[in-house]
Amino acid sequence: DLSSNLLTGSIPTDLTRFQRLNLYLKDNQISQLDTQLCTMSEWNDGDVGKYGCNGLLCPQGHFSSFGRHSSFGGECRQCATDGRALHFGASTCIPTASAASGGISLLLVIITSGLLSFFIFR
């Protein structure tokens, strides 16, 4: 299992010499996926044969709990407009800067209101 190891770049196409292979690569920093890998129909318990490239890794901008489309549940879903997945194989979407700053702004309003209430009722 090579999940969450900060692997970068692409998956080596040399791996296509293996007829059967299970690759667990979610939550790395993989930025390229050669379509030659997507033809390996017996990889990931046959998920590559069923779902193509998504059976290896969800594409950028998509996510799944497995980081890929799996027969065991979890298809690749597109990130909402307030989130993003920068790399292949994301298991979650991260908030965009505007969504994150909105959350911080709301927190500041709540904290400020609490302090104001404290001084008014003191």
PDB file of N, CA and C in Angstrom:
ATOM      1  N   ASP A   1       0.849  -1.172   0.000  1.00  0.00           N
ATOM      2  CA  ASP A   1       0.000   0.000   0.000  1.00  0.00           C
ATOM      3  C   ASP A   1       0.896   1.235   0.000  1.00  0.00           C
ATOM      4  N   LEU A   2       0.807   2.001  -1.067  1.00  0.00           N
ATOM      5  CA  LEU A   2       1.625   3.204  -1.224  1.00  0.00           C
ATOM      6  C   LEU A   2       0.813   4.481  -1.035  1.00  0.00           C
ATOM      7  N   SER A   3      -0.325   4.378  -0.404  1.00  0.00           N
ATOM      8  CA  SER A   3      -1.182   5.549  -0.174  1.00  0.00           C
ATOM      9  C   SER A   3      -0.501   6.538   0.761  1.00  0.00           C
ATOM     10  N   SER A   4      -0.772   7.812   0.529  1.00  0.00           N
ATOM     11  CA  SER A   4      -0.322   8.904   1.411  1.00  0.00           C
ATOM     12  C   SER A   4       1.185   8.906   1.643  1.00  0.00           C
ATOM     13  N   ASN A   5       1.947   8.753   0.574  1.00  0.00           N
ATOM     14  CA  ASN A   5       3.411   8.739   0.688  1.00  0.00           C
ATOM     15  C   ASN A   5       4.089   9.899  -0.021  1.00  0.00           C
ATOM     16  N   LEU A   6       3.334  10.902  -0.431  1.00  0.00           N
ATOM     17  CA  LEU A   6       3.868  12.068  -1.129  1.00  0.00           C
ATOM     18  C   LEU A   6       4.593  11.705  -2.418  1.00  0.00           C
ATOM     19  N   LEU A   7       4.146  10.622  -3.078  1.00  0.00           N
ATOM     20  CA  LEU A   7       4.723  10.241  -4.367  1.00  0.00           C
ATOM     21  C   LEU A   7       4.333  11.288  -5.407  1.00  0.00           C
ATOM     22  N   THR A   8       5.265  11.651  -6.263  1.00  0.00           N
ATOM     23  CA  THR A   8       5.012  12.682  -7.265  1.00  0.00           C
ATOM     24  C   THR A   8       5.232  12.129  -8.667  1.00  0.00           C
ATOM     25  N   GLY A   9       4.790  12.896  -9.656  1.00  0.00           N
ATOM     26  CA  GLY A   9       5.027  12.536 -11.050  1.00  0.00           C
ATOM     27  C   GLY A   9       3.969  11.609 -11.591  1.00  0.00           C
ATOM     28  N   SER A  10       4.424  10.527 -12.223  1.00  0.00           N
ATOM     29  CA  SER A  10       3.498   9.585 -12.852  1.00  0.00           C
ATOM     30  C   SER A  10       3.835   8.156 -12.445  1.00  0.00           C
ATOM     31  N   ILE A  11       2.905   7.253 -12.700  1.00  0.00           N
ATOM     32  CA  ILE A  11       3.119   5.830 -12.427  1.00  0.00           C
ATOM     33  C   ILE A  11       3.948   5.271 -13.584  1.00  0.00           C
ATOM     34  N   PRO A  12       5.028   4.575 -13.298  1.00  0.00           N
ATOM     35  CA  PRO A  12       5.882   4.051 -14.378  1.00  0.00           C
ATOM     36  C   PRO A  12       5.134   3.068 -15.286  1.00  0.00           C
ATOM     37  N   THR A  13       5.246   3.273 -16.581  1.00  0.00           N
ATOM     38  CA  THR A  13       4.593   2.367 -17.534  1.00  0.00           C
ATOM     39  C   THR A  13       5.285   1.012 -17.583  1.00  0.00           C
ATOM     40  N   ASP A  14       6.465   0.901 -17.026  1.00  0.00           N
ATOM     41  CA  ASP A  14       7.149  -0.404 -16.945  1.00  0.00           C
ATOM     42  C   ASP A  14       6.322  -1.426 -16.174  1.00  0.00           C
ATOM     43  N   LEU A  15       5.421  -0.950 -15.324  1.00  0.00           N
ATOM     44  CA  LEU A  15       4.577  -1.863 -14.544  1.00  0.00           C
ATOM     45  C   LEU A  15       3.610  -2.654 -15.406  1.00  0.00           C
ATOM     46  N   THR A  16       3.428  -2.245 -16.658  1.00  0.00           N
ATOM     47  CA  THR A  16       2.498  -2.971 -17.535  1.00  0.00           C
ATOM     48  C   THR A  16       2.981  -4.378 -17.851  1.00  0.00           C
ATOM     49  N   ARG A  17       4.197  -4.710 -17.500  1.00  0.00           N
ATOM     50  CA  ARG A  17       4.675  -6.095 -17.705  1.00  0.00           C
ATOM     51  C   ARG A  17       3.995  -7.068 -16.744  1.00  0.00           C
ATOM     52  N   PHE A  18       3.333  -6.536 -15.720  1.00  0.00           N
ATOM     53  CA  PHE A  18       2.598  -7.382 -14.780  1.00  0.00           C
ATOM     54  C   PHE A  18       1.141  -7.493 -15.228  1.00  0.00           C
ATOM     55  N   GLN A  19       0.688  -8.713 -15.430  1.00  0.00           N
ATOM     56  CA  GLN A  19      -0.692  -8.951 -15.867  1.00  0.00           C
ATOM     57  C   GLN A  19      -1.694  -8.582 -14.777  1.00  0.00           C
ATOM     58  N   ARG A  20      -1.386  -8.972 -13.550  1.00  0.00           N
ATOM     59  CA  ARG A  20      -2.257  -8.679 -12.403  1.00  0.00           C
ATOM     60  C   ARG A  20      -1.459  -7.879 -11.393  1.00  0.00           C
ATOM     61  N   LEU A  21      -2.077  -6.818 -10.918  1.00  0.00           N
ATOM     62  CA  LEU A  21      -1.403  -5.947  -9.962  1.00  0.00           C
ATOM     63  C   LEU A  21      -2.456  -5.134  -9.230  1.00  0.00           C
ATOM     64  N   ASN A  22      -2.286  -4.986  -7.925  1.00  0.00           N
ATOM     65  CA  ASN A  22      -3.150  -4.108  -7.143  1.00  0.00           C
ATOM     66  C   ASN A  22      -2.298  -2.941  -6.673  1.00  0.00           C
ATOM     67  N   LEU A  23      -2.682  -1.746  -7.097  1.00  0.00           N
ATOM     68  CA  LEU A  23      -1.974  -0.521  -6.739  1.00  0.00           C
ATOM     69  C   LEU A  23      -2.863   0.328  -5.843  1.00  0.00           C
ATOM     70  N   TYR A  24      -2.389   0.606  -4.658  1.00  0.00           N
ATOM     71  CA  TYR A  24      -3.109   1.475  -3.728  1.00  0.00           C
ATOM     72  C   TYR A  24      -2.308   2.760  -3.621  1.00  0.00           C
ATOM     73  N   LEU A  25      -2.772   3.783  -4.287  1.00  0.00           N
ATOM     74  CA  LEU A  25      -1.991   5.005  -4.460  1.00  0.00           C
ATOM     75  C   LEU A  25      -2.735   6.275  -4.047  1.00  0.00           C
ATOM     76  N   LYS A  26      -3.816   6.163  -3.315  1.00  0.00           N
ATOM     77  CA  LYS A  26      -4.606   7.352  -2.996  1.00  0.00           C
ATOM     78  C   LYS A  26      -3.793   8.363  -2.183  1.00  0.00           C
ATOM     79  N   ASP A  27      -4.179   9.614  -2.329  1.00  0.00           N
ATOM     80  CA  ASP A  27      -3.621  10.725  -1.544  1.00  0.00           C
ATOM     81  C   ASP A  27      -2.106  10.881  -1.677  1.00  0.00           C
ATOM     82  N   ASN A  28      -1.618  10.780  -2.885  1.00  0.00           N
ATOM     83  CA  ASN A  28      -0.239  11.137  -3.195  1.00  0.00           C
ATOM     84  C   ASN A  28      -0.280  12.421  -4.017  1.00  0.00           C
ATOM     85  N   GLN A  29       0.781  12.742  -4.690  1.00  0.00           N
ATOM     86  CA  GLN A  29       0.830  13.945  -5.519  1.00  0.00           C
ATOM     87  C   GLN A  29       1.098  13.572  -6.972  1.00  0.00           C
ATOM     88  N   ILE A  30       0.375  12.571  -7.443  1.00  0.00           N
ATOM     89  CA  ILE A  30       0.542  12.083  -8.815  1.00  0.00           C
ATOM     90  C   ILE A  30      -0.149  13.060  -9.763  1.00  0.00           C
ATOM     91  N   SER A  31       0.614  13.537 -10.743  1.00  0.00           N
ATOM     92  CA  SER A  31       0.106  14.585 -11.621  1.00  0.00           C
ATOM     93  C   SER A  31      -0.132  14.112 -13.051  1.00  0.00           C
ATOM     94  N   GLN A  32       0.281  12.881 -13.371  1.00  0.00           N
ATOM     95  CA  GLN A  32       0.100  12.353 -14.725  1.00  0.00           C
ATOM     96  C   GLN A  32      -0.296  10.887 -14.644  1.00  0.00           C
ATOM     97  N   LEU A  33      -1.097  10.464 -15.598  1.00  0.00           N
ATOM     98  CA  LEU A  33      -1.497   9.069 -15.673  1.00  0.00           C
ATOM     99  C   LEU A  33      -1.485   8.656 -17.141  1.00  0.00           C
ATOM    100  N   ASP A  34      -0.515   7.838 -17.521  1.00  0.00           N
ATOM    101  CA  ASP A  34      -0.387   7.376 -18.900  1.00  0.00           C
ATOM    102  C   ASP A  34      -1.554   6.444 -19.215  1.00  0.00           C
ATOM    103  N   THR A  35      -2.241   6.686 -20.326  1.00  0.00           N
ATOM    104  CA  THR A  35      -3.422   5.897 -20.669  1.00  0.00           C
ATOM    105  C   THR A  35      -3.077   4.435 -20.968  1.00  0.00           C
ATOM    106  N   GLN A  36      -1.820   4.139 -21.218  1.00  0.00           N
ATOM    107  CA  GLN A  36      -1.402   2.747 -21.417  1.00  0.00           C
ATOM    108  C   GLN A  36      -1.692   1.920 -20.161  1.00  0.00           C
ATOM    109  N   LEU A  37      -1.574   2.533 -19.009  1.00  0.00           N
ATOM    110  CA  LEU A  37      -1.861   1.843 -17.744  1.00  0.00           C
ATOM    111  C   LEU A  37      -3.344   1.515 -17.614  1.00  0.00           C
ATOM    112  N   CYS A  38      -4.171   2.303 -18.255  1.00  0.00           N
ATOM    113  CA  CYS A  38      -5.627   2.156 -18.145  1.00  0.00           C
ATOM    114  C   CYS A  38      -6.162   0.980 -18.958  1.00  0.00           C
ATOM    115  N   THR A  39      -5.300   0.288 -19.672  1.00  0.00           N
ATOM    116  CA  THR A  39      -5.713  -0.879 -20.460  1.00  0.00           C
ATOM    117  C   THR A  39      -5.437  -2.186 -19.723  1.00  0.00           C
ATOM    118  N   MET A  40      -4.897  -2.105 -18.534  1.00  0.00           N
ATOM    119  CA  MET A  40      -4.541  -3.308 -17.778  1.00  0.00           C
ATOM    120  C   MET A  40      -5.774  -3.845 -17.054  1.00  0.00           C
ATOM    121  N   SER A  41      -6.554  -4.614 -17.781  1.00  0.00           N
ATOM    122  CA  SER A  41      -7.906  -4.994 -17.357  1.00  0.00           C
ATOM    123  C   SER A  41      -7.976  -5.813 -16.066  1.00  0.00           C
ATOM    124  N   GLU A  42      -6.900  -6.480 -15.683  1.00  0.00           N
ATOM    125  CA  GLU A  42      -6.953  -7.305 -14.463  1.00  0.00           C
ATOM    126  C   GLU A  42      -6.382  -6.586 -13.241  1.00  0.00           C
ATOM    127  N   TRP A  43      -5.923  -5.385 -13.419  1.00  0.00           N
ATOM    128  CA  TRP A  43      -5.360  -4.643 -12.285  1.00  0.00           C
ATOM    129  C   TRP A  43      -6.468  -4.216 -11.317  1.00  0.00           C
ATOM    130  N   ASN A  44      -6.083  -4.043 -10.064  1.00  0.00           N
ATOM    131  CA  ASN A  44      -6.991  -3.627  -8.983  1.00  0.00           C
ATOM    132  C   ASN A  44      -8.259  -4.481  -8.970  1.00  0.00           C
ATOM    133  N   ASP A  45      -8.030  -5.783  -8.945  1.00  0.00           N
ATOM    134  CA  ASP A  45      -9.133  -6.757  -8.892  1.00  0.00           C
ATOM    135  C   ASP A  45     -10.121  -6.577 -10.034  1.00  0.00           C
ATOM    136  N   GLY A  46      -9.628  -6.180 -11.202  1.00  0.00           N
ATOM    137  CA  GLY A  46     -10.465  -6.016 -12.379  1.00  0.00           C
ATOM    138  C   GLY A  46     -11.127  -4.660 -12.507  1.00  0.00           C
ATOM    139  N   ASP A  47     -10.906  -3.771 -11.538  1.00  0.00           N
ATOM    140  CA  ASP A  47     -11.537  -2.445 -11.592  1.00  0.00           C
ATOM    141  C   ASP A  47     -11.029  -1.613 -12.767  1.00  0.00           C
ATOM    142  N   VAL A  48      -9.779  -1.802 -13.174  1.00  0.00           N
ATOM    143  CA  VAL A  48      -9.262  -1.059 -14.322  1.00  0.00           C
ATOM    144  C   VAL A  48      -9.976  -1.529 -15.594  1.00  0.00           C
ATOM    145  N   GLY A  49     -10.265  -2.825 -15.675  1.00  0.00           N
ATOM    146  CA  GLY A  49     -11.031  -3.341 -16.811  1.00  0.00           C
ATOM    147  C   GLY A  49     -12.445  -2.798 -16.851  1.00  0.00           C
ATOM    148  N   LYS A  50     -13.054  -2.606 -15.688  1.00  0.00           N
ATOM    149  CA  LYS A  50     -14.435  -2.120 -15.601  1.00  0.00           C
ATOM    150  C   LYS A  50     -14.537  -0.605 -15.750  1.00  0.00           C
ATOM    151  N   TYR A  51     -13.606   0.122 -15.144  1.00  0.00           N
ATOM    152  CA  TYR A  51     -13.741   1.574 -15.038  1.00  0.00           C
ATOM    153  C   TYR A  51     -12.628   2.353 -15.741  1.00  0.00           C
ATOM    154  N   GLY A  52     -11.727   1.674 -16.421  1.00  0.00           N
ATOM    155  CA  GLY A  52     -10.645   2.357 -17.128  1.00  0.00           C
ATOM    156  C   GLY A  52      -9.701   3.065 -16.176  1.00  0.00           C
ATOM    157  N   CYS A  53      -9.258   4.244 -16.571  1.00  0.00           N
ATOM    158  CA  CYS A  53      -8.306   5.010 -15.748  1.00  0.00           C
ATOM    159  C   CYS A  53      -8.841   5.277 -14.343  1.00  0.00           C
ATOM    160  N   ASN A  54     -10.159   5.476 -14.211  1.00  0.00           N
ATOM    161  CA  ASN A  54     -10.736   5.708 -12.885  1.00  0.00           C
ATOM    162  C   ASN A  54     -10.540   4.516 -11.955  1.00  0.00           C
ATOM    163  N   GLY A  55     -10.339   3.320 -12.515  1.00  0.00           N
ATOM    164  CA  GLY A  55     -10.057   2.143 -11.701  1.00  0.00           C
ATOM    165  C   GLY A  55      -8.664   2.169 -11.097  1.00  0.00           C
ATOM    166  N   LEU A  56      -7.808   3.040 -11.615  1.00  0.00           N
ATOM    167  CA  LEU A  56      -6.471   3.245 -11.045  1.00  0.00           C
ATOM    168  C   LEU A  56      -6.479   4.407 -10.069  1.00  0.00           C
ATOM    169  N   LEU A  57      -6.907   5.563 -10.552  1.00  0.00           N
ATOM    170  CA  LEU A  57      -6.931   6.783  -9.747  1.00  0.00           C
ATOM    171  C   LEU A  57      -8.036   7.705 -10.258  1.00  0.00           C
ATOM    172  N   CYS A  58      -8.711   8.363  -9.351  1.00  0.00           N
ATOM    173  CA  CYS A  58      -9.663   9.392  -9.763  1.00  0.00           C
ATOM    174  C   CYS A  58      -8.882  10.509 -10.448  1.00  0.00           C
ATOM    175  N   PRO A  59      -9.471  11.115 -11.474  1.00  0.00           N
ATOM    176  CA  PRO A  59      -8.771  12.211 -12.153  1.00  0.00           C
ATOM    177  C   PRO A  59      -8.707  13.465 -11.276  1.00  0.00           C
ATOM    178  N   GLN A  60      -7.879  14.387 -11.676  1.00  0.00           N
ATOM    179  CA  GLN A  60      -7.801  15.667 -10.974  1.00  0.00           C
ATOM    180  C   GLN A  60      -9.186  16.303 -10.960  1.00  0.00           C
ATOM    181  N   GLY A  61      -9.536  16.918  -9.832  1.00  0.00           N
ATOM    182  CA  GLY A  61     -10.848  17.541  -9.702  1.00  0.00           C
ATOM    183  C   GLY A  61     -11.927  16.588  -9.232  1.00  0.00           C
ATOM    184  N   HIS A  62     -11.572  15.326  -8.969  1.00  0.00           N
ATOM    185  CA  HIS A  62     -12.514  14.304  -8.511  1.00  0.00           C
ATOM    186  C   HIS A  62     -11.949  13.612  -7.268  1.00  0.00           C
ATOM    187  N   PHE A  63     -12.807  12.891  -6.568  1.00  0.00           N
ATOM    188  CA  PHE A  63     -12.363  12.193  -5.361  1.00  0.00           C
ATOM    189  C   PHE A  63     -13.203  10.947  -5.122  1.00  0.00           C
ATOM    190  N   SER A  64     -12.687  10.069  -4.292  1.00  0.00           N
ATOM    191  CA  SER A  64     -13.376   8.863  -3.840  1.00  0.00           C
ATOM    192  C   SER A  64     -12.689   8.409  -2.556  1.00  0.00           C
ATOM    193  N   SER A  65     -13.398   7.738  -1.693  1.00  0.00           N
ATOM    194  CA  SER A  65     -12.790   7.292  -0.439  1.00  0.00           C
ATOM    195  C   SER A  65     -11.596   6.364  -0.685  1.00  0.00           C
ATOM    196  N   PHE A  66     -11.601   5.652  -1.817  1.00  0.00           N
ATOM    197  CA  PHE A  66     -10.476   4.787  -2.180  1.00  0.00           C
ATOM    198  C   PHE A  66      -9.449   5.518  -3.052  1.00  0.00           C
ATOM    199  N   GLY A  67      -9.760   6.734  -3.477  1.00  0.00           N
ATOM    200  CA  GLY A  67      -8.901   7.456  -4.406  1.00  0.00           C
ATOM    201  C   GLY A  67      -9.039   6.954  -5.832  1.00  0.00           C
ATOM    202  N   ARG A  68      -9.974   6.034  -6.041  1.00  0.00           N
ATOM    203  CA  ARG A  68     -10.228   5.446  -7.358  1.00  0.00           C
ATOM    204  C   ARG A  68     -11.644   4.887  -7.361  1.00  0.00           C
ATOM    205  N   HIS A  69     -12.142   4.551  -8.536  1.00  0.00           N
ATOM    206  CA  HIS A  69     -13.441   3.881  -8.633  1.00  0.00           C
ATOM    207  C   HIS A  69     -13.208   2.415  -8.286  1.00  0.00           C
ATOM    208  N   SER A  70     -13.964   1.911  -7.349  1.00  0.00           N
ATOM    209  CA  SER A  70     -13.763   0.549  -6.866  1.00  0.00           C
ATOM    210  C   SER A  70     -15.076  -0.225  -6.842  1.00  0.00           C
ATOM    211  N   SER A  71     -14.999  -1.503  -7.152  1.00  0.00           N
ATOM    212  CA  SER A  71     -16.175  -2.375  -7.063  1.00  0.00           C
ATOM    213  C   SER A  71     -16.650  -2.526  -5.629  1.00  0.00           C
ATOM    214  N   PHE A  72     -15.783  -2.210  -4.686  1.00  0.00           N
ATOM    215  CA  PHE A  72     -16.123  -2.333  -3.272  1.00  0.00           C
ATOM    216  C   PHE A  72     -16.862  -1.107  -2.754  1.00  0.00           C
ATOM    217  N   GLY A  73     -17.193  -0.209  -3.648  1.00  0.00           N
ATOM    218  CA  GLY A  73     -17.902   1.014  -3.282  1.00  0.00           C
ATOM    219  C   GLY A  73     -16.999   2.216  -3.446  1.00  0.00           C
ATOM    220  N   GLY A  74     -17.570   3.295  -3.852  1.00  0.00           N
ATOM    221  CA  GLY A  74     -16.801   4.522  -3.989  1.00  0.00           C
ATOM    222  C   GLY A  74     -16.404   4.829  -5.419  1.00  0.00           C
ATOM    223  N   GLU A  75     -17.291   5.492  -6.130  1.00  0.00           N
ATOM    224  CA  GLU A  75     -16.935   5.914  -7.479  1.00  0.00           C
ATOM    225  C   GLU A  75     -16.334   7.312  -7.401  1.00  0.00           C
ATOM    226  N   CYS A  76     -15.601   7.689  -8.422  1.00  0.00           N
ATOM    227  CA  CYS A  76     -14.994   9.019  -8.482  1.00  0.00           C
ATOM    228  C   CYS A  76     -16.097  10.054  -8.676  1.00  0.00           C
ATOM    229  N   ARG A  77     -16.134  11.026  -7.778  1.00  0.00           N
ATOM    230  CA  ARG A  77     -17.122  12.097  -7.863  1.00  0.00           C
ATOM    231  C   ARG A  77     -16.412  13.433  -8.026  1.00  0.00           C
ATOM    232  N   GLN A  78     -17.040  14.328  -8.756  1.00  0.00           N
ATOM    233  CA  GLN A  78     -16.452  15.646  -8.982  1.00  0.00           C
ATOM    234  C   GLN A  78     -16.525  16.470  -7.706  1.00  0.00           C
ATOM    235  N   CYS A  79     -15.471  17.229  -7.448  1.00  0.00           N
ATOM    236  CA  CYS A  79     -15.463  18.124  -6.292  1.00  0.00           C
ATOM    237  C   CYS A  79     -16.517  19.206  -6.479  1.00  0.00           C
ATOM    238  N   ALA A  80     -17.109  19.635  -5.393  1.00  0.00           N
ATOM    239  CA  ALA A  80     -18.085  20.726  -5.439  1.00  0.00           C
ATOM    240  C   ALA A  80     -17.380  22.011  -5.858  1.00  0.00           C
ATOM    241  N   THR A  81     -18.144  23.014  -6.183  1.00  0.00           N
ATOM    242  CA  THR A  81     -17.560  24.270  -6.659  1.00  0.00           C
ATOM    243  C   THR A  81     -16.683  24.942  -5.616  1.00  0.00           C
ATOM    244  N   ASP A  82     -16.874  24.625  -4.342  1.00  0.00           N
ATOM    245  CA  ASP A  82     -16.047  25.247  -3.304  1.00  0.00           C
ATOM    246  C   ASP A  82     -14.900  24.334  -2.851  1.00  0.00           C
ATOM    247  N   GLY A  83     -14.594  23.313  -3.649  1.00  0.00           N
ATOM    248  CA  GLY A  83     -13.497  22.418  -3.310  1.00  0.00           C
ATOM    249  C   GLY A  83     -12.686  22.042  -4.534  1.00  0.00           C
ATOM    250  N   ARG A  84     -11.541  21.408  -4.309  1.00  0.00           N
ATOM    251  CA  ARG A  84     -10.701  20.996  -5.429  1.00  0.00           C
ATOM    252  C   ARG A  84      -9.843  19.802  -5.028  1.00  0.00           C
ATOM    253  N   ALA A  85      -9.421  19.071  -6.022  1.00  0.00           N
ATOM    254  CA  ALA A  85      -8.477  17.968  -5.862  1.00  0.00           C
ATOM    255  C   ALA A  85      -7.391  18.195  -6.916  1.00  0.00           C
ATOM    256  N   LEU A  86      -6.224  18.555  -6.477  1.00  0.00           N
ATOM    257  CA  LEU A  86      -5.157  18.958  -7.388  1.00  0.00           C
ATOM    258  C   LEU A  86      -4.478  17.790  -8.086  1.00  0.00           C
ATOM    259  N   HIS A  87      -4.508  16.619  -7.469  1.00  0.00           N
ATOM    260  CA  HIS A  87      -3.756  15.479  -7.980  1.00  0.00           C
ATOM    261  C   HIS A  87      -4.677  14.293  -8.247  1.00  0.00           C
ATOM    262  N   PHE A  88      -4.179  13.353  -9.005  1.00  0.00           N
ATOM    263  CA  PHE A  88      -4.894  12.103  -9.243  1.00  0.00           C
ATOM    264  C   PHE A  88      -4.973  11.323  -7.929  1.00  0.00           C
ATOM    265  N   GLY A  89      -6.097  10.646  -7.707  1.00  0.00           N
ATOM    266  CA  GLY A  89      -6.220   9.747  -6.558  1.00  0.00           C
ATOM    267  C   GLY A  89      -6.607  10.385  -5.243  1.00  0.00           C
ATOM    268  N   ALA A  90      -7.262  11.527  -5.270  1.00  0.00           N
ATOM    269  CA  ALA A  90      -7.663  12.197  -4.030  1.00  0.00           C
ATOM    270  C   ALA A  90      -8.796  11.441  -3.343  1.00  0.00           C
ATOM    271  N   SER A  91      -8.743  11.389  -2.016  1.00  0.00           N
ATOM    272  CA  SER A  91      -9.838  10.776  -1.261  1.00  0.00           C
ATOM    273  C   SER A  91     -10.790  11.835  -0.715  1.00  0.00           C
ATOM    274  N   THR A  92     -10.395  13.090  -0.780  1.00  0.00           N
ATOM    275  CA  THR A  92     -11.243  14.199  -0.370  1.00  0.00           C
ATOM    276  C   THR A  92     -10.923  15.408  -1.253  1.00  0.00           C
ATOM    277  N   CYS A  93     -11.791  16.388  -1.207  1.00  0.00           N
ATOM    278  CA  CYS A  93     -11.532  17.658  -1.877  1.00  0.00           C
ATOM    279  C   CYS A  93     -11.141  18.679  -0.821  1.00  0.00           C
ATOM    280  N   ILE A  94     -10.200  19.527  -1.159  1.00  0.00           N
ATOM    281  CA  ILE A  94      -9.804  20.567  -0.219  1.00  0.00           C
ATOM    282  C   ILE A  94     -10.558  21.847  -0.559  1.00  0.00           C
ATOM    283  N   PRO A  95     -10.880  22.651   0.450  1.00  0.00           N
ATOM    284  CA  PRO A  95     -11.606  23.895   0.171  1.00  0.00           C
ATOM    285  C   PRO A  95     -10.752  24.848  -0.658  1.00  0.00           C
ATOM    286  N   THR A  96     -11.391  25.596  -1.521  1.00  0.00           N
ATOM    287  CA  THR A  96     -10.678  26.621  -2.274  1.00  0.00           C
ATOM    288  C   THR A  96     -10.365  27.776  -1.331  1.00  0.00           C
ATOM    289  N   ALA A  97      -9.518  28.666  -1.763  1.00  0.00           N
ATOM    290  CA  ALA A  97      -9.113  29.796  -0.923  1.00  0.00           C
ATOM    291  C   ALA A  97     -10.317  30.627  -0.499  1.00  0.00           C
ATOM    292  N   SER A  98     -11.263  30.862  -1.405  1.00  0.00           N
ATOM    293  CA  SER A  98     -12.425  31.682  -1.059  1.00  0.00           C
ATOM    294  C   SER A  98     -13.303  30.981  -0.032  1.00  0.00           C
ATOM    295  N   ALA A  99     -13.452  29.656  -0.150  1.00  0.00           N
ATOM    296  CA  ALA A  99     -14.269  28.923   0.823  1.00  0.00           C
ATOM    297  C   ALA A  99     -13.587  28.927   2.181  1.00  0.00           C
ATOM    298  N   ALA A 100     -12.264  28.741   2.186  1.00  0.00           N
ATOM    299  CA  ALA A 100     -11.523  28.728   3.446  1.00  0.00           C
ATOM    300  C   ALA A 100     -11.569  30.101   4.097  1.00  0.00           C
ATOM    301  N   SER A 101     -11.370  31.165   3.325  1.00  0.00           N
ATOM    302  CA  SER A 101     -11.381  32.501   3.908  1.00  0.00           C
ATOM    303  C   SER A 101     -12.778  32.854   4.405  1.00  0.00           C
ATOM    304  N   GLY A 102     -13.813  32.350   3.735  1.00  0.00           N
ATOM    305  CA  GLY A 102     -15.175  32.581   4.208  1.00  0.00           C
ATOM    306  C   GLY A 102     -15.395  31.958   5.570  1.00  0.00           C
ATOM    307  N   GLY A 103     -14.856  30.775   5.769  1.00  0.00           N
ATOM    308  CA  GLY A 103     -14.965  30.114   7.057  1.00  0.00           C
ATOM    309  C   GLY A 103     -14.221  30.878   8.130  1.00  0.00           C
ATOM    310  N   ILE A 104     -13.061  31.406   7.791  1.00  0.00           N
ATOM    311  CA  ILE A 104     -12.284  32.188   8.748  1.00  0.00           C
ATOM    312  C   ILE A 104     -13.020  33.481   9.069  1.00  0.00           C
ATOM    313  N   SER A 105     -13.585  34.115   8.064  1.00  0.00           N
ATOM    314  CA  SER A 105     -14.339  35.354   8.287  1.00  0.00           C
ATOM    315  C   SER A 105     -15.503  35.102   9.230  1.00  0.00           C
ATOM    316  N   LEU A 106     -16.221  34.004   9.021  1.00  0.00           N
ATOM    317  CA  LEU A 106     -17.342  33.670   9.888  1.00  0.00           C
ATOM    318  C   LEU A 106     -16.851  33.447  11.307  1.00  0.00           C
ATOM    319  N   LEU A 107     -15.725  32.772  11.465  1.00  0.00           N
ATOM    320  CA  LEU A 107     -15.161  32.526  12.782  1.00  0.00           C
ATOM    321  C   LEU A 107     -14.800  33.852  13.442  1.00  0.00           C
ATOM    322  N   LEU A 108     -14.221  34.788  12.697  1.00  0.00           N
ATOM    323  CA  LEU A 108     -13.878  36.092  13.253  1.00  0.00           C
ATOM    324  C   LEU A 108     -15.121  36.852  13.687  1.00  0.00           C
ATOM    325  N   VAL A 109     -16.194  36.755  12.921  1.00  0.00           N
ATOM    326  CA  VAL A 109     -17.449  37.416  13.293  1.00  0.00           C
ATOM    327  C   VAL A 109     -17.973  36.825  14.593  1.00  0.00           C
ATOM    328  N   ILE A 110     -17.940  35.527  14.716  1.00  0.00           N
ATOM    329  CA  ILE A 110     -18.434  34.869  15.933  1.00  0.00           C
ATOM    330  C   ILE A 110     -17.591  35.275  17.134  1.00  0.00           C
ATOM    331  N   ILE A 111     -16.266  35.238  16.969  1.00  0.00           N
ATOM    332  CA  ILE A 111     -15.376  35.610  18.077  1.00  0.00           C
ATOM    333  C   ILE A 111     -15.578  37.073  18.442  1.00  0.00           C
ATOM    334  N   THR A 112     -15.614  37.953  17.436  1.00  0.00           N
ATOM    335  CA  THR A 112     -15.805  39.380  17.673  1.00  0.00           C
ATOM    336  C   THR A 112     -17.131  39.633  18.368  1.00  0.00           C
ATOM    337  N   SER A 113     -18.198  38.964  17.926  1.00  0.00           N
ATOM    338  CA  SER A 113     -19.513  39.131  18.554  1.00  0.00           C
ATOM    339  C   SER A 113     -19.470  38.690  20.004  1.00  0.00           C
ATOM    340  N   GLY A 114     -18.775  37.609  20.263  1.00  0.00           N
ATOM    341  CA  GLY A 114     -18.655  37.118  21.633  1.00  0.00           C
ATOM    342  C   GLY A 114     -17.919  38.098  22.519  1.00  0.00           C
ATOM    343  N   LEU A 115     -16.844  38.689  22.013  1.00  0.00           N
ATOM    344  CA  LEU A 115     -16.090  39.676  22.786  1.00  0.00           C
ATOM    345  C   LEU A 115     -16.925  40.927  23.017  1.00  0.00           C
ATOM    346  N   LEU A 116     -17.654  41.354  21.985  1.00  0.00           N
ATOM    347  CA  LEU A 116     -18.503  42.526  22.101  1.00  0.00           C
ATOM    348  C   LEU A 116     -19.575  42.284  23.156  1.00  0.00           C
ATOM    349  N   SER A 117     -20.193  41.107  23.116  1.00  0.00           N
ATOM    350  CA  SER A 117     -21.208  40.763  24.110  1.00  0.00           C
ATOM    351  C   SER A 117     -20.614  40.751  25.510  1.00  0.00           C
ATOM    352  N   PHE A 118     -19.391  40.268  25.630  1.00  0.00           N
ATOM    353  CA  PHE A 118     -18.729  40.197  26.923  1.00  0.00           C
ATOM    354  C   PHE A 118     -18.571  41.604  27.498  1.00  0.00           C
ATOM    355  N   PHE A 119     -18.130  42.558  26.647  1.00  0.00           N
ATOM    356  CA  PHE A 119     -17.908  43.923  27.142  1.00  0.00           C
ATOM    357  C   PHE A 119     -19.219  44.675  27.386  1.00  0.00           C
ATOM    358  N   ILE A 120     -20.243  44.428  26.624  1.00  0.00           N
ATOM    359  CA  ILE A 120     -21.512  45.103  26.779  1.00  0.00           C
ATOM    360  C   ILE A 120     -22.196  44.661  28.076  1.00  0.00           C
ATOM    361  N   PHE A 121     -22.162  43.376  28.372  1.00  0.00           N
ATOM    362  CA  PHE A 121     -22.876  42.849  29.543  1.00  0.00           C
ATOM    363  C   PHE A 121     -22.026  42.776  30.789  1.00  0.00           C
ATOM    364  N   ARG A 122     -20.869  43.277  30.759  1.00  0.00           N
ATOM    365  CA  ARG A 122     -19.985  43.204  31.909  1.00  0.00           C
ATOM    366  C   ARG A 122     -20.287  44.280  32.898  1.00  0.00           C
TER     367      ARG A 122
END
